[in-house]
C-alpha atoms as a PDB file:
ATOM      1  CA  GLN A   1      -0.445  -0.008   0.147  1.00  0.00           C
ATOM      2  CA  VAL A   2       1.299   3.796  -0.949  1.00  0.00           C
ATOM      3  CA  GLN A   3       1.807   5.618   2.156  1.00  0.00           C
ATOM      4  CA  LEU A   4       3.837   9.329   2.527  1.00  0.00           C
ATOM      5  CA  VAL A   5       4.819  10.411   5.884  1.00  0.00           C
ATOM      6  CA  GLU A   6       6.128  14.284   6.064  1.00  0.00           C
ATOM      7  CA  SER A   7       8.088  15.067   8.920  1.00  0.00           C
ATOM      8  CA  GLY A   8       9.730  18.243   9.890  1.00  0.00           C
ATOM      9  CA  GLY A   9       7.249  20.937  10.264  1.00  0.00           C
ATOM     10  CA  GLY A  10       7.534  23.266  13.543  1.00  0.00           C
ATOM     11  CA  LEU A  11       6.973  26.468  15.164  1.00  0.00           C
ATOM     12  CA  VAL A  12       9.496  29.110  13.715  1.00  0.00           C
ATOM     13  CA  GLN A  13      10.188  32.707  13.560  1.00  0.00           C
ATOM     14  CA  PRO A  14       9.784  34.613  10.385  1.00  0.00           C
ATOM     15  CA  GLY A  15      12.544  34.327   8.497  1.00  0.00           C
ATOM     16  CA  GLY A  16      13.667  31.529   9.863  1.00  0.00           C
ATOM     17  CA  SER A  17      13.887  27.720   7.960  1.00  0.00           C
ATOM     18  CA  LEU A  18      12.554  24.852   7.550  1.00  0.00           C
ATOM     19  CA  ARG A  19      13.400  21.499   5.930  1.00  0.00           C
ATOM     20  CA  LEU A  20       9.774  19.106   5.048  1.00  0.00           C
ATOM     21  CA  SER A  21      10.856  15.248   4.686  1.00  0.00           C
ATOM     22  CA  CYS A  22       8.253  12.933   3.244  1.00  0.00           C
ATOM     23  CA  ALA A  23       9.117   9.418   3.224  1.00  0.00           C
ATOM     24  CA  ALA A  24       7.835   7.249   0.368  1.00  0.00           C
ATOM     25  CA  SER A  25       6.983   3.495   0.869  1.00  0.00           C
ATOM     26  CA  GLY A  26       4.747   0.896  -1.300  1.00  0.00           C
ATOM     27  CA  PHE A  27       5.775   2.142  -4.530  1.00  0.00           C
ATOM     28  CA  SER A  28       8.873   2.699  -6.910  1.00  0.00           C
ATOM     29  CA  PHE A  29       9.018   6.199  -5.899  1.00  0.00           C
ATOM     30  CA  ALA A  30      11.760   6.790  -8.175  1.00  0.00           C
ATOM     31  CA  TYR A  31       9.417   6.345 -10.976  1.00  0.00           C
ATOM     32  CA  TYR A  32       7.284   9.269 -10.221  1.00  0.00           C
ATOM     33  CA  THR A  33       6.956  13.174 -10.456  1.00  0.00           C
ATOM     34  CA  MET A  34       5.846  14.243  -6.537  1.00  0.00           C
ATOM     35  CA  THR A  35       4.520  17.389  -5.380  1.00  0.00           C
ATOM     36  CA  TRP A  36       3.964  19.507  -2.420  1.00  0.00           C
ATOM     37  CA  TYR A  37       0.795  21.483  -1.617  1.00  0.00           C
ATOM     38  CA  ARG A  38      -0.269  23.164   1.332  1.00  0.00           C
ATOM     39  CA  GLN A  39      -3.142  24.278   3.250  1.00  0.00           C
ATOM     40  CA  ALA A  40      -3.835  27.367   5.130  1.00  0.00           C
ATOM     41  CA  PRO A  41      -6.679  27.759   7.562  1.00  0.00           C
ATOM     42  CA  GLY A  42      -9.590  28.653   5.759  1.00  0.00           C
ATOM     43  CA  LYS A  43      -8.187  28.253   2.379  1.00  0.00           C
ATOM     44  CA  GLU A  44      -8.170  26.081  -0.583  1.00  0.00           C
ATOM     45  CA  ARG A  45      -5.197  23.512  -0.765  1.00  0.00           C
ATOM     46  CA  GLU A  46      -2.406  25.364  -3.335  1.00  0.00           C
ATOM     47  CA  PHE A  47       0.338  23.900  -5.390  1.00  0.00           C
ATOM     48  CA  ILE A  48       3.750  24.561  -3.850  1.00  0.00           C
ATOM     49  CA  ALA A  49       6.022  23.088  -6.287  1.00  0.00           C
ATOM     50  CA  ASP A  50       6.848  19.403  -8.053  1.00  0.00           C
ATOM     51  CA  ILE A  51       9.982  17.376  -9.070  1.00  0.00           C
ATOM     52  CA  ASN A  52      10.457  15.126 -11.819  1.00  0.00           C
ATOM     53  CA  HIS A  53      10.864  11.475 -10.980  1.00  0.00           C
ATOM     54  CA  VAL A  54      14.956  11.962 -11.634  1.00  0.00           C
ATOM     55  CA  GLY A  55      14.874  15.400  -9.975  1.00  0.00           C
ATOM     56  CA  GLY A  56      15.943  17.376 -13.038  1.00  0.00           C
ATOM     57  CA  ILE A  57      12.702  19.220 -13.661  1.00  0.00           C
ATOM     58  CA  THR A  58      11.171  21.232 -11.065  1.00  0.00           C
ATOM     59  CA  ASN A  59       8.232  23.760 -10.923  1.00  0.00           C
ATOM     60  CA  TYR A  60       7.394  26.491  -8.277  1.00  0.00           C
ATOM     61  CA  ALA A  61       4.300  27.965  -7.657  1.00  0.00           C
ATOM     62  CA  ASP A  62       5.379  32.481  -7.841  1.00  0.00           C
ATOM     63  CA  SER A  63       4.800  32.609  -3.769  1.00  0.00           C
ATOM     64  CA  ALA A  64       7.655  29.484  -3.424  1.00  0.00           C
ATOM     65  CA  LYS A  65      10.125  30.708  -5.996  1.00  0.00           C
ATOM     66  CA  GLY A  66      13.339  31.879  -4.685  1.00  0.00           C
ATOM     67  CA  ARG A  67      12.756  30.631  -1.279  1.00  0.00           C
ATOM     68  CA  PHE A  68      11.595  26.911  -1.203  1.00  0.00           C
ATOM     69  CA  THR A  69      13.368  24.199  -2.890  1.00  0.00           C
ATOM     70  CA  ILE A  70      12.355  20.596  -3.676  1.00  0.00           C
ATOM     71  CA  SER A  71      14.711  17.936  -4.297  1.00  0.00           C
ATOM     72  CA  ARG A  72      14.484  14.474  -3.802  1.00  0.00           C
ATOM     73  CA  ASP A  73      16.414  11.023  -3.222  1.00  0.00           C
ATOM     74  CA  ASN A  74      15.378   8.115  -4.895  1.00  0.00           C
ATOM     75  CA  ALA A  75      18.063   5.810  -3.265  1.00  0.00           C
ATOM     76  CA  LYS A  76      16.064   6.945   0.039  1.00  0.00           C
ATOM     77  CA  ASN A  77      12.173   7.015  -1.231  1.00  0.00           C
ATOM     78  CA  THR A  78      12.229  10.622   0.365  1.00  0.00           C
ATOM     79  CA  LEU A  79      11.098  13.981  -1.089  1.00  0.00           C
ATOM     80  CA  PHE A  80      11.790  17.381   0.722  1.00  0.00           C
ATOM     81  CA  LEU A  81      11.001  21.121   0.741  1.00  0.00           C
ATOM     82  CA  GLN A  82      13.702  23.178   1.898  1.00  0.00           C
ATOM     83  CA  MET A  83      11.975  26.774   3.176  1.00  0.00           C
ATOM     84  CA  ASN A  84      13.662  29.793   3.630  1.00  0.00           C
ATOM     85  CA  SER A  85      13.024  33.091   4.356  1.00  0.00           C
ATOM     86  CA  LEU A  86       9.809  32.064   6.054  1.00  0.00           C
ATOM     87  CA  ARG A  87       6.717  34.358   6.512  1.00  0.00           C
ATOM     88  CA  PRO A  88       3.442  34.412   8.701  1.00  0.00           C
ATOM     89  CA  GLU A  89       1.459  33.833   5.798  1.00  0.00           C
ATOM     90  CA  ASP A  90       3.363  30.171   5.092  1.00  0.00           C
ATOM     91  CA  THR A  91       1.900  28.899   7.841  1.00  0.00           C
ATOM     92  CA  ALA A  92      -0.228  25.922   6.453  1.00  0.00           C
ATOM     93  CA  VAL A  93      -0.267  22.281   6.291  1.00  0.00           C
ATOM     94  CA  TYR A  94       2.551  20.894   4.215  1.00  0.00           C
ATOM     95  CA  TYR A  95       1.259  18.149   2.043  1.00  0.00           C
ATOM     96  CA  CYS A  96       3.254  15.525  -0.080  1.00  0.00           C
ATOM     97  CA  HIS A  97       1.458  14.431  -2.861  1.00  0.00           C
ATOM     98  CA  ARG A  98       2.148  11.547  -5.622  1.00  0.00           C
ATOM     99  CA  PRO A  99      -0.539  12.698  -8.661  1.00  0.00           C
ATOM    100  CA  VAL A 100      -0.762   9.562 -10.063  1.00  0.00           C
ATOM    101  CA  ALA A 101      -3.256   8.195  -8.622  1.00  0.00           C
ATOM    102  CA  ASN A 102      -3.811  11.111  -5.847  1.00  0.00           C
ATOM    103  CA  TYR A 103      -2.099  10.103  -3.378  1.00  0.00           C
ATOM    104  CA  TRP A 104      -1.692  11.993  -0.245  1.00  0.00           C
ATOM    105  CA  GLY A 105       0.597  12.152   3.059  1.00  0.00           C
ATOM    106  CA  GLN A 106      -1.516  13.249   6.437  1.00  0.00           C
ATOM    107  CA  GLY A 107       0.429  16.428   6.311  1.00  0.00           C
ATOM    108  CA  THR A 108       3.048  18.448   8.845  1.00  0.00           C
ATOM    109  CA  GLN A 109       1.984  21.362  10.386  1.00  0.00           C
ATOM    110  CA  VAL A 110       4.418  24.593   9.577  1.00  0.00           C
ATOM    111  CA  THR A 111       3.577  27.424  11.962  1.00  0.00           C
ATOM    112  CA  VAL A 112       5.570  30.842  10.798  1.00  0.00           C
ATOM    113  CA  SER A 113       5.385  33.603  14.330  1.00  0.00           C
ATOM    114  CA  SER A 114       7.329  35.480  16.600  1.00  0.00           C
END
Protein backbone atom coordinates (compact mmCIF):
# COMPACT_ATOMS: atom_id res chain seq x y z
CA GLN A 1 0.00 0.00 0.00
CA VAL A 2 1.18 3.48 -0.85
CA GLN A 3 2.24 5.53 2.15
CA LEU A 4 3.51 9.11 2.29
CA VAL A 5 4.65 10.34 5.69
CA GLU A 6 5.65 13.96 6.15
CA SER A 7 7.87 15.27 8.91
CA GLY A 8 9.91 18.33 9.79
CA GLY A 9 7.20 20.87 10.47
CA GLY A 10 7.10 23.04 13.54
CA LEU A 11 7.15 26.57 14.88
CA VAL A 12 9.69 28.96 13.39
CA GLN A 13 10.22 32.70 13.58
CA PRO A 14 9.79 34.90 10.51
CA GLY A 15 12.92 34.76 8.40
CA GLY A 16 13.75 31.28 9.62
CA SER A 17 14.09 28.00 7.77
CA LEU A 18 12.63 24.53 7.88
CA ARG A 19 13.25 21.37 5.91
CA LEU A 20 10.30 19.11 5.33
CA SER A 21 10.68 15.45 4.46
CA CYS A 22 8.26 12.95 2.97
CA ALA A 23 9.08 9.27 3.37
CA ALA A 24 7.48 7.22 0.62
CA SER A 25 6.78 3.51 0.67
CA GLY A 26 4.66 0.91 -1.11
CA PHE A 27 5.58 1.97 -4.63
CA SER A 28 8.56 2.56 -6.89
CA PHE A 29 9.28 6.11 -5.77
CA ALA A 30 11.92 6.76 -8.42
CA TYR A 31 9.36 6.37 -11.22
CA TYR A 32 6.99 9.16 -10.13
CA THR A 33 6.73 12.91 -10.23
CA MET A 34 6.05 14.19 -6.72
CA THR A 35 4.59 17.43 -5.42
CA TRP A 36 4.20 19.55 -2.30
CA TYR A 37 0.96 21.34 -1.48
CA ARG A 38 -0.12 23.38 1.49
CA GLN A 39 -3.40 24.42 3.05
CA ALA A 40 -3.78 27.42 5.31
CA PRO A 41 -6.75 27.76 7.68
CA GLY A 42 -9.87 28.75 5.77
CA LYS A 43 -8.14 28.51 2.39
CA GLU A 44 -8.02 26.10 -0.50
CA ARG A 45 -5.17 23.64 -0.77
CA GLU A 46 -2.54 25.19 -3.03
CA PHE A 47 0.29 23.85 -5.16
CA ILE A 48 3.79 24.72 -3.94
CA ALA A 49 6.24 22.77 -6.07
CA ASP A 50 6.79 19.62 -8.07
CA ILE A 51 9.75 17.57 -9.21
CA ASN A 52 10.02 15.00 -11.95
CA HIS A 53 11.00 11.40 -11.29
CA VAL A 54 14.75 11.90 -11.67
CA GLY A 55 14.82 15.31 -10.05
CA GLY A 56 15.99 17.24 -13.07
CA ILE A 57 12.86 19.30 -13.63
CA THR A 58 11.17 21.36 -10.96
CA ASN A 59 8.31 23.85 -10.93
CA TYR A 60 7.29 26.32 -8.26
CA ALA A 61 4.35 28.46 -7.35
CA ASP A 62 5.12 32.17 -7.42
CA SER A 63 4.81 32.20 -3.63
CA ALA A 64 7.65 29.68 -3.35
CA LYS A 65 10.06 30.88 -6.03
CA GLY A 66 13.40 32.00 -4.69
CA ARG A 67 12.65 30.81 -1.14
CA PHE A 68 11.72 27.13 -1.35
CA THR A 69 13.61 24.27 -2.95
CA ILE A 70 12.11 20.89 -3.76
CA SER A 71 14.44 17.91 -4.04
CA ARG A 72 14.44 14.15 -3.76
CA ASP A 73 16.64 11.24 -2.84
CA ASN A 74 15.45 8.26 -4.85
CA ALA A 75 17.88 5.92 -3.09
CA LYS A 76 16.13 6.75 0.20
CA ASN A 77 12.59 7.12 -1.22
CA THR A 78 12.37 10.57 0.25
CA LEU A 79 11.06 13.90 -0.97
CA PHE A 80 12.22 17.18 0.55
CA LEU A 81 11.13 20.80 0.73
CA GLN A 82 13.72 23.28 1.96
CA MET A 83 11.97 26.46 3.04
CA ASN A 84 13.96 29.63 3.70
CA SER A 85 12.99 33.20 4.53
CA LEU A 86 9.73 32.00 6.00
CA ARG A 87 6.86 34.44 6.43
CA PRO A 88 3.75 34.33 8.61
CA GLU A 89 1.69 33.76 5.46
CA ASP A 90 3.55 30.47 4.94
CA THR A 91 1.73 29.09 7.98
CA ALA A 92 -0.17 26.03 6.77
CA VAL A 93 -0.35 22.27 6.78
CA TYR A 94 2.10 20.99 4.16
CA TYR A 95 1.27 17.85 2.21
CA CYS A 96 3.29 15.46 0.12
CA HIS A 97 1.41 14.26 -2.96
CA ARG A 98 1.81 11.70 -5.70
CA PRO A 99 -0.29 12.96 -8.61
CA VAL A 100 -0.66 9.55 -10.27
CA ALA A 101 -3.64 7.97 -8.54
CA ASN A 102 -3.82 11.03 -6.24
CA TYR A 103 -2.10 9.84 -3.08
CA TRP A 104 -1.66 12.25 -0.16
CA GLY A 105 0.26 12.21 3.07
CA GLN A 106 -1.29 13.21 6.39
CA GLY A 107 0.42 16.59 6.39
CA THR A 108 2.82 18.40 8.71
CA GLN A 109 2.03 21.72 10.38
CA VAL A 110 4.28 24.69 9.74
CA THR A 111 3.71 27.77 11.87
CA VAL A 112 5.65 30.97 11.25
CA SER A 113 5.26 33.35 14.13
CA SER A 114 7.28 35.51 16.47
